[in-house]
Every structure is written in C-alpha cells, then in structure tokens.
Amino acid sequence: MQKTENRTGCRMPADIEILEASLIEEPDNLGHLNRLLDDARKSDLRYGEVVELHPNAIIIITTNLNYVANREFDFSVVSRMNKVQHRKDLTEQQLAERAMFRTGCKDMEVLKQMAKVMKRLDAVVKEEFGKAGLCGYREYENWIYEYMRTQNLVKAAEDTVLSKLASDEEDRNLLRQVCMEIYVE
C-alpha cells in the first residue's frame, strides 16, 4: 500500500486539509476518516498498519456545497467535527474588492459592474439550467484578467465566462441577454 501525504501528515504536527470530503463515497475511506476524528484518533488499515493522529495534527475538511458534483456531507463525519463553519457568498462589493487585490485591476466601477453580472449569471444558471457553482470567483477573475489584456468586456466574457456556463449556442444567447440587460439598466 502506498503512503499518502495525509497518512504521513497524521503522524506529525501538521494541518491536514481534506478537500471536497463530501465526495468520499467508499465506506472504507469514510470509516478511516471517522476513526481518525474519534477520541482514539487512530485507524487500523488493511495489512495491519495503524495510522495514529499526532496530538498536534489538525484535520481541516473543506467543501463547497454549491458545486454541481458535491452533495451533503455524510452525517457520521459531521458529528465528529469539532467545529463547522458555513460561509456566505461574497457580496458584489466584496467580490470586487477581492478581485482588485488579486488581479491588480484598479477600476472599481468596472469590477463592481462585472461582479453584478456574475451574480446575475449565477442566479440564471441555477434557475434555468439547475446547475450551481459554475459561476464563481475563478470565472470572475479570469474574466477580469482577459478584460485587462483585451480591454473588451464582451469578448473577454465570451471567452472566460459564457463559454464555460453553456456549451449550447441557444443557452449562451440567453446568458448574453442577461449580461446586456444589466448594462442597459
């Protein structure tokens, strides 16, 4: 059996991040995670190996329940967590401020307008296509970078946002219309 970073990290003072844990399907993997989170803080693996969580090791489990592929956490894992924090989506203002810092774009009015478009597109994609988590900060920042490169908001949106949200031309036309409605307001 091959050693993984998580197994190595369990044995030393470490922060161990388990990304998108809601996607863990194998009962065996859930069982091992649960045993590490239990009071005993150890799990017996196949072939006799024992993984014991170091007293100064911390397991951090993150997930974005808005993503299309994710689902609710397994309750057996949630019940073993010491703390659960739910984060609210960023506001348009917060998105713009974060993007200004991360991208270097200094035009706050453009950033806020783009954030408004992203929020509206996200809502439409959820309502019309039943998909969540496709229109987030990555797409927003990619749009900003492309806008900074081309100085063309529409073309930049086509190549970084709309093309990801819908593969069908009719659906992309609906999303284009949403974008234009915001700019007309």
N, C-alpha and C. Protein backbone atom coordinates (compact mmCIF):
# COMPACT_ATOMS: atom_id res chain seq x y z
N MET A 1 0.85 -1.18 0.00
CA MET A 1 0.00 0.00 0.00
C MET A 1 0.90 1.25 0.00
N GLN A 2 0.61 2.19 -0.85
CA GLN A 2 1.43 3.39 -0.99
C GLN A 2 1.09 4.42 0.09
N LYS A 3 2.14 5.03 0.65
CA LYS A 3 1.91 6.09 1.65
C LYS A 3 1.40 7.34 0.95
N THR A 4 0.46 8.01 1.57
CA THR A 4 -0.06 9.26 1.03
C THR A 4 0.38 10.41 1.92
N GLU A 5 0.26 11.62 1.40
CA GLU A 5 0.59 12.80 2.20
C GLU A 5 -0.24 12.86 3.47
N ASN A 6 -1.51 12.50 3.38
CA ASN A 6 -2.38 12.53 4.57
C ASN A 6 -1.91 11.54 5.62
N ARG A 7 -1.53 10.36 5.20
CA ARG A 7 -1.06 9.36 6.17
C ARG A 7 0.23 9.83 6.82
N THR A 8 1.11 10.41 6.07
CA THR A 8 2.36 10.94 6.63
C THR A 8 2.06 12.11 7.55
N GLY A 9 1.18 13.01 7.13
CA GLY A 9 0.83 14.18 7.92
C GLY A 9 0.17 13.83 9.25
N CYS A 10 -0.55 12.73 9.27
CA CYS A 10 -1.22 12.30 10.51
C CYS A 10 -0.21 12.00 11.61
N ARG A 11 0.98 11.62 11.22
CA ARG A 11 1.97 11.15 12.19
C ARG A 11 2.86 12.27 12.75
N MET A 12 2.62 13.49 12.35
CA MET A 12 3.46 14.60 12.80
C MET A 12 2.58 15.82 13.08
N PRO A 13 3.14 16.83 13.74
CA PRO A 13 2.35 18.07 13.88
C PRO A 13 2.10 18.64 12.49
N ALA A 14 0.85 18.70 12.09
CA ALA A 14 0.54 19.14 10.72
C ALA A 14 -0.90 19.60 10.64
N ASP A 15 -1.16 20.45 9.65
CA ASP A 15 -2.53 20.78 9.24
C ASP A 15 -2.81 19.92 8.03
N ILE A 16 -3.81 19.09 8.11
CA ILE A 16 -4.15 18.17 7.03
C ILE A 16 -5.47 18.63 6.46
N GLU A 17 -5.47 19.07 5.20
CA GLU A 17 -6.70 19.54 4.58
C GLU A 17 -7.25 18.44 3.68
N ILE A 18 -8.49 18.10 3.89
CA ILE A 18 -9.18 17.15 3.04
C ILE A 18 -10.18 17.96 2.22
N LEU A 19 -9.90 18.06 0.93
CA LEU A 19 -10.73 18.87 0.03
C LEU A 19 -11.94 18.08 -0.45
N GLU A 20 -13.06 18.74 -0.54
CA GLU A 20 -14.29 18.18 -1.09
C GLU A 20 -14.60 16.81 -0.48
N ALA A 21 -14.58 16.74 0.83
CA ALA A 21 -14.83 15.48 1.54
C ALA A 21 -16.23 14.95 1.30
N SER A 22 -17.13 15.81 0.86
CA SER A 22 -18.50 15.33 0.60
C SER A 22 -18.52 14.35 -0.57
N LEU A 23 -17.43 14.27 -1.33
CA LEU A 23 -17.36 13.36 -2.47
C LEU A 23 -16.83 11.98 -2.09
N ILE A 24 -16.40 11.80 -0.85
CA ILE A 24 -15.90 10.49 -0.42
C ILE A 24 -17.07 9.51 -0.44
N GLU A 25 -16.95 8.48 -1.24
CA GLU A 25 -18.04 7.50 -1.37
C GLU A 25 -17.70 6.16 -0.75
N GLU A 26 -16.44 5.78 -0.79
CA GLU A 26 -16.04 4.47 -0.30
C GLU A 26 -16.29 4.37 1.21
N PRO A 27 -17.11 3.43 1.64
CA PRO A 27 -17.37 3.28 3.08
C PRO A 27 -16.08 3.07 3.87
N ASP A 28 -15.12 2.37 3.28
CA ASP A 28 -13.85 2.12 3.96
C ASP A 28 -13.12 3.44 4.25
N ASN A 29 -13.11 4.34 3.27
CA ASN A 29 -12.44 5.64 3.47
C ASN A 29 -13.17 6.48 4.51
N LEU A 30 -14.49 6.48 4.46
CA LEU A 30 -15.27 7.21 5.47
C LEU A 30 -15.00 6.64 6.86
N GLY A 31 -14.91 5.33 6.94
CA GLY A 31 -14.64 4.70 8.23
C GLY A 31 -13.29 5.10 8.79
N HIS A 32 -12.26 5.15 7.92
CA HIS A 32 -10.93 5.56 8.38
C HIS A 32 -10.94 7.01 8.84
N LEU A 33 -11.59 7.87 8.09
CA LEU A 33 -11.68 9.27 8.47
C LEU A 33 -12.40 9.41 9.81
N ASN A 34 -13.50 8.70 9.96
CA ASN A 34 -14.26 8.76 11.21
C ASN A 34 -13.41 8.29 12.40
N ARG A 35 -12.67 7.22 12.22
CA ARG A 35 -11.84 6.72 13.32
C ARG A 35 -10.74 7.72 13.69
N LEU A 36 -10.20 8.43 12.69
CA LEU A 36 -9.19 9.45 12.99
C LEU A 36 -9.81 10.64 13.74
N LEU A 37 -11.06 10.93 13.46
CA LEU A 37 -11.75 12.05 14.12
C LEU A 37 -12.32 11.66 15.48
N ASP A 38 -12.45 10.35 15.74
CA ASP A 38 -12.95 9.88 17.04
C ASP A 38 -11.93 10.14 18.14
N ASP A 39 -12.35 9.89 19.37
CA ASP A 39 -11.49 10.12 20.53
C ASP A 39 -10.18 9.33 20.46
N ALA A 40 -10.20 8.12 19.93
CA ALA A 40 -8.98 7.31 19.87
C ALA A 40 -7.96 7.88 18.88
N ARG A 41 -8.44 8.61 17.88
CA ARG A 41 -7.60 9.28 16.87
C ARG A 41 -6.65 8.33 16.15
N LYS A 42 -7.12 7.12 15.88
CA LYS A 42 -6.29 6.19 15.11
C LYS A 42 -7.18 5.25 14.31
N SER A 43 -6.58 4.70 13.25
CA SER A 43 -7.32 3.81 12.38
C SER A 43 -6.41 2.66 11.96
N ASP A 44 -6.95 1.46 11.98
CA ASP A 44 -6.23 0.27 11.53
C ASP A 44 -6.49 0.09 10.04
N LEU A 45 -5.42 0.10 9.27
CA LEU A 45 -5.56 -0.08 7.83
C LEU A 45 -5.41 -1.55 7.48
N ARG A 46 -5.73 -1.88 6.25
CA ARG A 46 -5.51 -3.26 5.78
C ARG A 46 -4.04 -3.59 5.95
N TYR A 47 -3.76 -4.83 6.03
CA TYR A 47 -2.39 -5.33 6.13
C TYR A 47 -1.74 -4.95 7.46
N GLY A 48 -2.55 -4.56 8.45
CA GLY A 48 -2.04 -4.38 9.80
C GLY A 48 -1.44 -3.03 10.15
N GLU A 49 -1.31 -2.12 9.20
CA GLU A 49 -0.74 -0.81 9.52
C GLU A 49 -1.74 0.00 10.35
N VAL A 50 -1.21 0.73 11.33
CA VAL A 50 -2.03 1.58 12.17
C VAL A 50 -1.60 3.03 11.93
N VAL A 51 -2.57 3.88 11.63
CA VAL A 51 -2.30 5.31 11.48
C VAL A 51 -2.86 5.97 12.73
N GLU A 52 -1.99 6.64 13.47
CA GLU A 52 -2.42 7.33 14.68
C GLU A 52 -2.21 8.82 14.48
N LEU A 53 -3.24 9.59 14.76
CA LEU A 53 -3.19 11.03 14.57
C LEU A 53 -2.33 11.66 15.68
N HIS A 54 -1.30 12.37 15.28
CA HIS A 54 -0.42 13.06 16.22
C HIS A 54 -1.25 14.05 17.04
N PRO A 55 -0.93 14.23 18.33
CA PRO A 55 -1.71 15.15 19.17
C PRO A 55 -1.75 16.58 18.64
N ASN A 56 -0.75 16.98 17.85
CA ASN A 56 -0.72 18.33 17.30
C ASN A 56 -1.05 18.37 15.81
N ALA A 57 -1.69 17.32 15.33
CA ALA A 57 -2.17 17.32 13.95
C ALA A 57 -3.63 17.74 13.95
N ILE A 58 -3.97 18.55 12.97
CA ILE A 58 -5.34 19.06 12.85
C ILE A 58 -5.87 18.66 11.48
N ILE A 59 -7.05 18.09 11.46
CA ILE A 59 -7.69 17.76 10.18
C ILE A 59 -8.70 18.85 9.87
N ILE A 60 -8.53 19.47 8.71
CA ILE A 60 -9.43 20.51 8.24
C ILE A 60 -10.15 19.95 7.01
N ILE A 61 -11.45 19.93 7.07
CA ILE A 61 -12.25 19.40 5.97
C ILE A 61 -12.97 20.55 5.31
N THR A 62 -12.78 20.70 4.01
CA THR A 62 -13.42 21.79 3.29
C THR A 62 -14.26 21.24 2.14
N THR A 63 -15.30 21.94 1.84
CA THR A 63 -16.12 21.60 0.69
C THR A 63 -16.93 22.82 0.30
N ASN A 64 -17.35 22.85 -0.93
CA ASN A 64 -18.24 23.89 -1.41
C ASN A 64 -19.51 23.19 -1.86
N LEU A 65 -20.51 23.24 -1.03
CA LEU A 65 -21.75 22.52 -1.32
C LEU A 65 -22.50 23.12 -2.52
N ASN A 66 -22.06 24.28 -3.00
CA ASN A 66 -22.69 24.88 -4.18
C ASN A 66 -22.23 24.24 -5.48
N TYR A 67 -21.11 23.50 -5.44
CA TYR A 67 -20.62 22.90 -6.67
C TYR A 67 -21.56 21.81 -7.16
N VAL A 68 -21.63 21.68 -8.46
CA VAL A 68 -22.57 20.76 -9.09
C VAL A 68 -22.38 19.33 -8.61
N ALA A 69 -21.15 18.85 -8.53
CA ALA A 69 -20.91 17.44 -8.22
C ALA A 69 -21.00 17.12 -6.73
N ASN A 70 -20.96 18.12 -5.88
CA ASN A 70 -20.95 17.86 -4.45
C ASN A 70 -22.34 17.57 -3.92
N ARG A 71 -22.36 16.94 -2.78
CA ARG A 71 -23.61 16.62 -2.11
C ARG A 71 -23.43 16.88 -0.63
N GLU A 72 -24.46 16.59 0.16
CA GLU A 72 -24.39 16.79 1.60
C GLU A 72 -23.30 15.91 2.19
N PHE A 73 -22.67 16.41 3.25
CA PHE A 73 -21.70 15.63 4.00
C PHE A 73 -22.35 14.40 4.62
N ASP A 74 -21.59 13.34 4.75
CA ASP A 74 -22.02 12.17 5.49
C ASP A 74 -22.16 12.59 6.96
N PHE A 75 -23.31 12.32 7.56
CA PHE A 75 -23.56 12.77 8.93
C PHE A 75 -22.60 12.15 9.94
N SER A 76 -22.07 10.97 9.64
CA SER A 76 -21.13 10.35 10.57
C SER A 76 -19.85 11.18 10.67
N VAL A 77 -19.47 11.85 9.58
CA VAL A 77 -18.28 12.71 9.59
C VAL A 77 -18.62 14.03 10.29
N VAL A 78 -19.75 14.61 9.95
CA VAL A 78 -20.14 15.90 10.53
C VAL A 78 -20.24 15.79 12.06
N SER A 79 -20.78 14.70 12.55
CA SER A 79 -20.95 14.57 14.00
C SER A 79 -19.62 14.50 14.74
N ARG A 80 -18.54 14.16 14.04
CA ARG A 80 -17.23 14.06 14.67
C ARG A 80 -16.41 15.35 14.57
N MET A 81 -16.90 16.30 13.83
CA MET A 81 -16.18 17.56 13.67
C MET A 81 -16.33 18.41 14.93
N ASN A 82 -15.25 19.06 15.33
CA ASN A 82 -15.30 19.94 16.49
C ASN A 82 -16.01 21.25 16.17
N LYS A 83 -15.89 21.69 14.94
CA LYS A 83 -16.43 22.99 14.56
C LYS A 83 -16.84 22.94 13.09
N VAL A 84 -17.98 23.51 12.78
CA VAL A 84 -18.45 23.60 11.40
C VAL A 84 -18.77 25.05 11.13
N GLN A 85 -18.18 25.60 10.09
CA GLN A 85 -18.44 26.99 9.71
C GLN A 85 -19.06 27.02 8.32
N HIS A 86 -20.16 27.75 8.22
CA HIS A 86 -20.77 27.97 6.92
C HIS A 86 -20.43 29.39 6.49
N ARG A 87 -19.96 29.52 5.29
CA ARG A 87 -19.58 30.83 4.78
C ARG A 87 -20.65 31.32 3.81
N LYS A 88 -20.97 32.58 3.92
CA LYS A 88 -21.91 33.19 2.98
C LYS A 88 -21.16 33.56 1.71
N ASP A 89 -21.91 33.60 0.62
CA ASP A 89 -21.33 34.07 -0.63
C ASP A 89 -20.89 35.51 -0.48
N LEU A 90 -19.84 35.88 -1.18
CA LEU A 90 -19.38 37.27 -1.14
C LEU A 90 -20.40 38.17 -1.83
N THR A 91 -20.53 39.38 -1.33
CA THR A 91 -21.38 40.38 -1.97
C THR A 91 -20.66 40.90 -3.21
N GLU A 92 -21.37 41.66 -4.02
CA GLU A 92 -20.75 42.26 -5.21
C GLU A 92 -19.56 43.12 -4.80
N GLN A 93 -19.73 43.92 -3.76
CA GLN A 93 -18.66 44.79 -3.27
C GLN A 93 -17.45 43.97 -2.81
N GLN A 94 -17.71 42.91 -2.05
CA GLN A 94 -16.63 42.06 -1.56
C GLN A 94 -15.91 41.35 -2.71
N LEU A 95 -16.69 40.89 -3.69
CA LEU A 95 -16.08 40.28 -4.87
C LEU A 95 -15.15 41.25 -5.58
N ALA A 96 -15.63 42.47 -5.77
CA ALA A 96 -14.84 43.49 -6.46
C ALA A 96 -13.57 43.83 -5.68
N GLU A 97 -13.68 43.98 -4.37
CA GLU A 97 -12.51 44.30 -3.56
C GLU A 97 -11.49 43.17 -3.59
N ARG A 98 -11.97 41.94 -3.48
CA ARG A 98 -11.08 40.78 -3.53
C ARG A 98 -10.39 40.71 -4.89
N ALA A 99 -11.16 40.92 -5.94
CA ALA A 99 -10.61 40.86 -7.30
C ALA A 99 -9.59 41.97 -7.54
N MET A 100 -9.85 43.16 -7.00
CA MET A 100 -8.89 44.26 -7.16
C MET A 100 -7.55 43.85 -6.55
N PHE A 101 -7.60 43.27 -5.38
CA PHE A 101 -6.38 42.84 -4.70
C PHE A 101 -5.68 41.73 -5.47
N ARG A 102 -6.46 40.73 -5.94
CA ARG A 102 -5.85 39.56 -6.57
C ARG A 102 -5.41 39.80 -8.01
N THR A 103 -6.13 40.63 -8.75
CA THR A 103 -5.81 40.80 -10.17
C THR A 103 -4.99 42.04 -10.46
N GLY A 104 -5.04 43.03 -9.58
CA GLY A 104 -4.34 44.28 -9.83
C GLY A 104 -5.15 45.27 -10.65
N CYS A 105 -6.37 44.89 -11.05
CA CYS A 105 -7.23 45.82 -11.78
C CYS A 105 -7.68 46.91 -10.80
N LYS A 106 -7.51 48.16 -11.18
CA LYS A 106 -7.80 49.28 -10.27
C LYS A 106 -9.12 49.98 -10.54
N ASP A 107 -9.84 49.58 -11.58
CA ASP A 107 -11.10 50.24 -11.93
C ASP A 107 -12.25 49.62 -11.15
N MET A 108 -12.52 50.16 -9.98
CA MET A 108 -13.53 49.60 -9.08
C MET A 108 -14.92 49.62 -9.70
N GLU A 109 -15.25 50.63 -10.49
CA GLU A 109 -16.58 50.68 -11.10
C GLU A 109 -16.78 49.53 -12.09
N VAL A 110 -15.78 49.25 -12.89
CA VAL A 110 -15.85 48.12 -13.82
C VAL A 110 -15.93 46.81 -13.05
N LEU A 111 -15.12 46.68 -12.01
CA LEU A 111 -15.13 45.46 -11.20
C LEU A 111 -16.49 45.22 -10.56
N LYS A 112 -17.12 46.28 -10.06
CA LYS A 112 -18.44 46.14 -9.45
C LYS A 112 -19.49 45.76 -10.49
N GLN A 113 -19.40 46.36 -11.66
CA GLN A 113 -20.34 46.03 -12.74
C GLN A 113 -20.17 44.57 -13.16
N MET A 114 -18.93 44.14 -13.28
CA MET A 114 -18.66 42.74 -13.64
C MET A 114 -19.16 41.80 -12.54
N ALA A 115 -18.99 42.19 -11.29
CA ALA A 115 -19.46 41.37 -10.17
C ALA A 115 -20.99 41.25 -10.22
N LYS A 116 -21.64 42.33 -10.56
CA LYS A 116 -23.10 42.32 -10.68
C LYS A 116 -23.53 41.34 -11.78
N VAL A 117 -22.83 41.36 -12.89
CA VAL A 117 -23.12 40.44 -13.99
C VAL A 117 -22.92 39.00 -13.52
N MET A 118 -21.82 38.75 -12.81
CA MET A 118 -21.52 37.40 -12.35
C MET A 118 -22.60 36.89 -11.40
N LYS A 119 -23.03 37.72 -10.48
CA LYS A 119 -24.09 37.33 -9.54
C LYS A 119 -25.38 36.98 -10.29
N ARG A 120 -25.72 37.81 -11.26
CA ARG A 120 -26.94 37.57 -12.04
C ARG A 120 -26.80 36.30 -12.89
N LEU A 121 -25.64 36.11 -13.52
CA LEU A 121 -25.43 34.90 -14.31
C LEU A 121 -25.53 33.65 -13.44
N ASP A 122 -24.96 33.73 -12.26
CA ASP A 122 -25.01 32.61 -11.33
C ASP A 122 -26.46 32.24 -11.02
N ALA A 123 -27.27 33.25 -10.76
CA ALA A 123 -28.69 33.01 -10.46
C ALA A 123 -29.41 32.40 -11.65
N VAL A 124 -29.15 32.91 -12.84
CA VAL A 124 -29.82 32.41 -14.04
C VAL A 124 -29.39 30.97 -14.33
N VAL A 125 -28.12 30.67 -14.17
CA VAL A 125 -27.64 29.30 -14.42
C VAL A 125 -28.31 28.33 -13.44
N LYS A 126 -28.50 28.76 -12.20
CA LYS A 126 -29.18 27.91 -11.22
C LYS A 126 -30.65 27.73 -11.60
N GLU A 127 -31.31 28.85 -11.96
CA GLU A 127 -32.74 28.81 -12.27
C GLU A 127 -33.04 28.07 -13.56
N GLU A 128 -32.31 28.42 -14.62
CA GLU A 128 -32.62 27.91 -15.95
C GLU A 128 -32.02 26.52 -16.23
N PHE A 129 -30.83 26.26 -15.71
CA PHE A 129 -30.12 25.02 -16.04
C PHE A 129 -30.02 24.07 -14.85
N GLY A 130 -30.40 24.56 -13.67
CA GLY A 130 -30.33 23.71 -12.49
C GLY A 130 -28.91 23.36 -12.06
N LYS A 131 -27.97 24.22 -12.42
CA LYS A 131 -26.56 23.96 -12.08
C LYS A 131 -26.07 25.04 -11.13
N ALA A 132 -25.32 24.63 -10.14
CA ALA A 132 -24.77 25.58 -9.17
C ALA A 132 -23.25 25.46 -9.15
N GLY A 133 -22.60 26.54 -8.75
CA GLY A 133 -21.16 26.51 -8.59
C GLY A 133 -20.36 26.65 -9.86
N LEU A 134 -21.02 27.03 -10.95
CA LEU A 134 -20.31 27.17 -12.22
C LEU A 134 -19.88 28.60 -12.49
N CYS A 135 -20.39 29.52 -11.72
CA CYS A 135 -20.18 30.93 -12.00
C CYS A 135 -19.65 31.59 -10.73
N GLY A 136 -18.39 31.37 -10.44
CA GLY A 136 -17.83 31.84 -9.19
C GLY A 136 -16.65 32.78 -9.36
N TYR A 137 -15.87 32.88 -8.30
CA TYR A 137 -14.78 33.84 -8.29
C TYR A 137 -13.69 33.51 -9.30
N ARG A 138 -13.47 32.23 -9.63
CA ARG A 138 -12.45 31.89 -10.63
C ARG A 138 -12.83 32.45 -12.00
N GLU A 139 -14.09 32.22 -12.36
CA GLU A 139 -14.56 32.73 -13.65
C GLU A 139 -14.53 34.25 -13.66
N TYR A 140 -14.92 34.84 -12.56
CA TYR A 140 -14.90 36.29 -12.42
C TYR A 140 -13.48 36.83 -12.61
N GLU A 141 -12.53 36.25 -11.92
CA GLU A 141 -11.14 36.72 -12.03
C GLU A 141 -10.57 36.44 -13.42
N ASN A 142 -10.91 35.30 -14.00
CA ASN A 142 -10.45 35.03 -15.37
C ASN A 142 -10.99 36.07 -16.34
N TRP A 143 -12.24 36.45 -16.14
CA TRP A 143 -12.85 37.47 -16.98
C TRP A 143 -12.09 38.79 -16.81
N ILE A 144 -11.75 39.13 -15.59
CA ILE A 144 -11.01 40.37 -15.33
C ILE A 144 -9.65 40.35 -16.00
N TYR A 145 -8.93 39.25 -15.85
CA TYR A 145 -7.61 39.15 -16.49
C TYR A 145 -7.71 39.31 -18.00
N GLU A 146 -8.72 38.64 -18.58
CA GLU A 146 -8.89 38.73 -20.04
C GLU A 146 -9.31 40.15 -20.43
N TYR A 147 -10.16 40.79 -19.64
CA TYR A 147 -10.55 42.17 -19.89
C TYR A 147 -9.32 43.09 -19.83
N MET A 148 -8.48 42.88 -18.83
CA MET A 148 -7.28 43.72 -18.70
C MET A 148 -6.36 43.54 -19.92
N ARG A 149 -6.34 42.33 -20.46
CA ARG A 149 -5.49 42.05 -21.62
C ARG A 149 -6.08 42.64 -22.90
N THR A 150 -7.42 42.52 -23.07
CA THR A 150 -8.04 42.92 -24.34
C THR A 150 -8.73 44.27 -24.30
N GLN A 151 -9.07 44.75 -23.10
CA GLN A 151 -9.87 45.97 -22.92
C GLN A 151 -11.23 45.86 -23.59
N ASN A 152 -11.74 44.63 -23.72
CA ASN A 152 -13.03 44.39 -24.34
C ASN A 152 -13.84 43.49 -23.40
N LEU A 153 -14.79 44.10 -22.66
CA LEU A 153 -15.59 43.36 -21.68
C LEU A 153 -16.39 42.22 -22.30
N VAL A 154 -16.99 42.46 -23.46
CA VAL A 154 -17.86 41.47 -24.08
C VAL A 154 -17.06 40.27 -24.58
N LYS A 155 -16.00 40.53 -25.32
CA LYS A 155 -15.16 39.44 -25.84
C LYS A 155 -14.53 38.67 -24.69
N ALA A 156 -14.08 39.37 -23.67
CA ALA A 156 -13.48 38.72 -22.51
C ALA A 156 -14.49 37.81 -21.81
N ALA A 157 -15.74 38.27 -21.71
CA ALA A 157 -16.79 37.46 -21.08
C ALA A 157 -17.08 36.22 -21.92
N GLU A 158 -17.11 36.37 -23.22
CA GLU A 158 -17.36 35.23 -24.12
C GLU A 158 -16.35 34.12 -23.88
N ASP A 159 -15.09 34.49 -23.80
CA ASP A 159 -14.01 33.50 -23.75
C ASP A 159 -13.77 32.92 -22.36
N THR A 160 -14.23 33.58 -21.32
CA THR A 160 -13.90 33.12 -19.97
C THR A 160 -15.10 32.72 -19.13
N VAL A 161 -16.26 33.28 -19.41
CA VAL A 161 -17.44 33.00 -18.58
C VAL A 161 -18.50 32.26 -19.38
N LEU A 162 -19.00 32.88 -20.43
CA LEU A 162 -20.13 32.31 -21.16
C LEU A 162 -19.78 30.95 -21.76
N SER A 163 -18.57 30.80 -22.27
CA SER A 163 -18.16 29.54 -22.87
C SER A 163 -18.13 28.40 -21.85
N LYS A 164 -17.92 28.72 -20.58
CA LYS A 164 -17.91 27.70 -19.53
C LYS A 164 -19.32 27.38 -19.04
N LEU A 165 -20.19 28.35 -19.05
CA LEU A 165 -21.51 28.17 -18.47
C LEU A 165 -22.46 27.37 -19.35
N ALA A 166 -22.25 27.43 -20.66
CA ALA A 166 -23.17 26.73 -21.56
C ALA A 166 -22.44 26.34 -22.83
N SER A 167 -22.60 25.08 -23.20
CA SER A 167 -21.99 24.64 -24.46
C SER A 167 -22.93 24.85 -25.64
N ASP A 168 -24.21 24.95 -25.37
CA ASP A 168 -25.22 25.14 -26.40
C ASP A 168 -25.34 26.62 -26.76
N GLU A 169 -25.35 26.93 -28.04
CA GLU A 169 -25.41 28.31 -28.50
C GLU A 169 -26.68 29.02 -28.04
N GLU A 170 -27.79 28.32 -28.03
CA GLU A 170 -29.06 28.93 -27.58
C GLU A 170 -28.96 29.34 -26.10
N ASP A 171 -28.35 28.48 -25.30
CA ASP A 171 -28.17 28.80 -23.88
C ASP A 171 -27.22 29.98 -23.69
N ARG A 172 -26.16 30.01 -24.50
CA ARG A 172 -25.21 31.14 -24.40
C ARG A 172 -25.89 32.44 -24.81
N ASN A 173 -26.81 32.38 -25.79
CA ASN A 173 -27.56 33.58 -26.19
C ASN A 173 -28.41 34.09 -25.03
N LEU A 174 -29.04 33.18 -24.29
CA LEU A 174 -29.81 33.58 -23.11
C LEU A 174 -28.90 34.28 -22.11
N LEU A 175 -27.72 33.74 -21.88
CA LEU A 175 -26.78 34.34 -20.92
C LEU A 175 -26.25 35.68 -21.43
N ARG A 176 -26.02 35.80 -22.72
CA ARG A 176 -25.61 37.09 -23.30
C ARG A 176 -26.67 38.15 -23.04
N GLN A 177 -27.93 37.76 -23.21
CA GLN A 177 -29.04 38.68 -22.99
C GLN A 177 -29.06 39.15 -21.53
N VAL A 178 -28.81 38.25 -20.61
CA VAL A 178 -28.74 38.61 -19.19
C VAL A 178 -27.66 39.64 -18.97
N CYS A 179 -26.50 39.43 -19.58
CA CYS A 179 -25.39 40.39 -19.44
C CYS A 179 -25.77 41.75 -19.99
N MET A 180 -26.39 41.77 -21.15
CA MET A 180 -26.73 43.04 -21.78
C MET A 180 -27.81 43.79 -21.00
N GLU A 181 -28.75 43.06 -20.41
CA GLU A 181 -29.81 43.70 -19.60
C GLU A 181 -29.21 44.48 -18.44
N ILE A 182 -28.20 43.93 -17.85
CA ILE A 182 -27.55 44.62 -16.73
C ILE A 182 -26.87 45.90 -17.20
N TYR A 183 -26.24 45.84 -18.35
CA TYR A 183 -25.54 47.02 -18.85
C TYR A 183 -26.49 48.10 -19.35
N VAL A 184 -27.71 47.69 -19.75
CA VAL A 184 -28.70 48.65 -20.21
C VAL A 184 -29.34 49.39 -19.04
N GLU A 185 -29.45 48.70 -17.87
CA GLU A 185 -30.12 49.29 -16.69
C GLU A 185 -29.57 50.65 -16.32
